Amino acid sequence: AGVQRRTFARLDTLDEPSGDDPRFTMPAHMDPRLRKPGKKTVALGLGLTFVGCVLLGCYLLWYFGFMPIPDDEERGTSLALLVLGCITLAPGLYVTMILAAVWRGVPGFTYEMIPSFED
């Protein structure tokens, strides 16, 4: 008995804000999605990818017997190659794949997804 029913009225279409209002558009030079990453960020991404590929390549060469490692150092060296290769390859591929996707124009990818190292 004490519950009141509220009715809501639809706003007039003239009162609704449109997406063309210049007060709410961001200038292109301030839009973080359009800001290209710095040289350090690109170099770090490509460098980590390269180092990770080299380390994992060395691990695979050892694993298949093409690169001998002395027996007394075998366990630590091979494990270090594998772990360091994975640790460097993962973030390097992340940055490199986002750079490639943005460069190719894949929808949903922006430069904003890449952490910046330009401090």
Protein backbone atom coordinates (compact mmCIF):
# COMPACT_ATOMS: atom_id res chain seq x y z
CA ALA A 1 0.00 0.00 0.00
CA GLY A 2 2.95 2.32 0.75
CA VAL A 3 4.80 1.59 -2.51
CA GLN A 4 4.59 4.36 -5.06
CA ARG A 5 5.11 3.63 -8.66
CA ARG A 6 7.35 6.11 -10.46
CA THR A 7 6.97 6.79 -14.11
CA PHE A 8 9.79 8.09 -16.21
CA ALA A 9 9.35 10.09 -19.35
CA ARG A 10 11.67 9.85 -22.33
CA LEU A 11 13.70 12.94 -23.04
CA ASP A 12 13.01 14.81 -26.18
CA THR A 13 15.47 14.03 -28.97
CA LEU A 14 16.51 17.68 -29.06
CA ASP A 15 17.68 17.48 -25.44
CA GLU A 16 19.97 14.49 -26.03
CA PRO A 17 23.62 15.39 -26.58
CA SER A 18 25.03 14.46 -29.94
CA GLY A 19 28.48 13.02 -30.56
CA ASP A 20 29.42 16.02 -32.69
CA ASP A 21 29.76 18.50 -29.83
CA PRO A 22 33.24 20.10 -30.22
CA ARG A 23 33.45 20.71 -26.47
CA PHE A 24 33.78 16.98 -25.84
CA THR A 25 36.08 15.90 -28.64
CA MET A 26 39.72 15.33 -27.83
CA PRO A 27 42.31 16.93 -30.12
CA ALA A 28 44.38 14.40 -32.05
CA HIS A 29 47.65 15.54 -30.46
CA MET A 30 46.29 14.77 -26.96
CA ASP A 31 44.57 11.46 -27.70
CA PRO A 32 46.64 8.69 -26.04
CA ARG A 33 45.26 6.11 -28.46
CA LEU A 34 46.83 7.94 -31.40
CA ARG A 35 50.13 8.84 -29.74
CA LYS A 36 52.88 6.72 -31.24
CA PRO A 37 55.25 4.94 -28.85
CA GLY A 38 58.73 6.33 -28.35
CA LYS A 39 61.94 4.95 -29.78
CA LYS A 40 62.96 3.41 -26.44
CA THR A 41 59.72 1.45 -26.19
CA VAL A 42 60.01 0.10 -29.73
CA ALA A 43 63.70 -0.73 -29.27
CA LEU A 44 63.00 -2.49 -25.96
CA GLY A 45 60.19 -4.56 -27.46
CA LEU A 46 62.20 -5.62 -30.49
CA GLY A 47 65.34 -6.18 -28.41
CA LEU A 48 63.56 -8.41 -25.89
CA THR A 49 62.03 -10.42 -28.73
CA PHE A 50 65.44 -10.87 -30.36
CA VAL A 51 67.21 -11.84 -27.11
CA GLY A 52 64.41 -14.25 -26.19
CA CYS A 53 64.57 -15.93 -29.59
CA VAL A 54 68.36 -16.28 -29.36
CA LEU A 55 68.21 -17.76 -25.84
CA LEU A 56 65.44 -20.21 -26.72
CA GLY A 57 67.27 -21.08 -29.93
CA CYS A 58 70.40 -21.89 -27.92
CA TYR A 59 68.31 -24.00 -25.56
CA LEU A 60 66.84 -25.94 -28.49
CA LEU A 61 70.30 -26.45 -29.99
CA TRP A 62 71.47 -27.90 -26.65
CA TYR A 63 68.31 -29.99 -26.25
CA PHE A 64 68.70 -31.65 -29.66
CA GLY A 65 72.43 -32.17 -29.15
CA PHE A 66 73.85 -29.66 -31.65
CA MET A 67 75.47 -27.43 -29.00
CA PRO A 68 77.45 -29.17 -26.27
CA ILE A 69 77.49 -27.78 -22.75
CA PRO A 70 80.05 -29.20 -20.24
CA ASP A 71 78.48 -31.84 -17.98
CA ASP A 72 79.28 -30.09 -14.71
CA GLU A 73 77.39 -26.97 -15.83
CA GLU A 74 74.71 -28.65 -17.91
CA ARG A 75 71.74 -28.44 -15.56
CA GLY A 76 72.13 -24.83 -14.50
CA THR A 77 73.05 -23.48 -17.91
CA SER A 78 70.31 -25.22 -19.83
CA LEU A 79 67.68 -24.23 -17.27
CA ALA A 80 68.93 -20.64 -17.32
CA LEU A 81 68.67 -20.54 -21.11
CA LEU A 82 65.10 -21.80 -20.96
CA VAL A 83 63.90 -19.52 -18.13
CA LEU A 84 65.63 -16.37 -19.37
CA GLY A 85 64.46 -17.07 -22.92
CA CYS A 86 60.84 -17.30 -21.79
CA ILE A 87 61.13 -14.26 -19.51
CA THR A 88 62.52 -12.07 -22.28
CA LEU A 89 60.43 -13.44 -25.14
CA ALA A 90 57.02 -12.98 -23.50
CA PRO A 91 57.04 -9.17 -23.02
CA GLY A 92 58.96 -8.66 -26.23
CA LEU A 93 56.36 -10.54 -28.25
CA TYR A 94 53.57 -8.68 -26.46
CA VAL A 95 54.92 -5.28 -27.52
CA THR A 96 55.93 -6.46 -30.99
CA MET A 97 52.55 -8.04 -31.73
CA ILE A 98 50.66 -4.91 -30.64
CA LEU A 99 52.96 -2.71 -32.74
CA ALA A 100 52.38 -4.94 -35.76
CA ALA A 101 48.60 -5.03 -35.22
CA VAL A 102 48.34 -1.24 -34.89
CA TRP A 103 50.58 -0.74 -37.92
CA ARG A 104 48.37 -3.09 -39.97
CA GLY A 105 45.20 -1.34 -38.74
CA VAL A 106 43.61 -4.28 -36.92
CA PRO A 107 40.51 -2.98 -35.10
CA GLY A 108 40.73 -3.04 -31.31
CA PHE A 109 44.48 -2.45 -31.08
CA THR A 110 45.88 0.93 -30.06
CA TYR A 111 49.26 2.28 -29.04
CA GLU A 112 47.71 2.91 -25.62
CA MET A 113 48.00 -0.85 -24.92
CA ILE A 114 51.81 -0.64 -24.85
CA PRO A 115 53.48 0.45 -21.61
CA SER A 116 55.76 3.43 -22.11
CA PHE A 117 59.43 3.51 -21.06
CA GLU A 118 60.06 7.11 -22.10
CA ASP A 119 60.57 8.69 -18.67
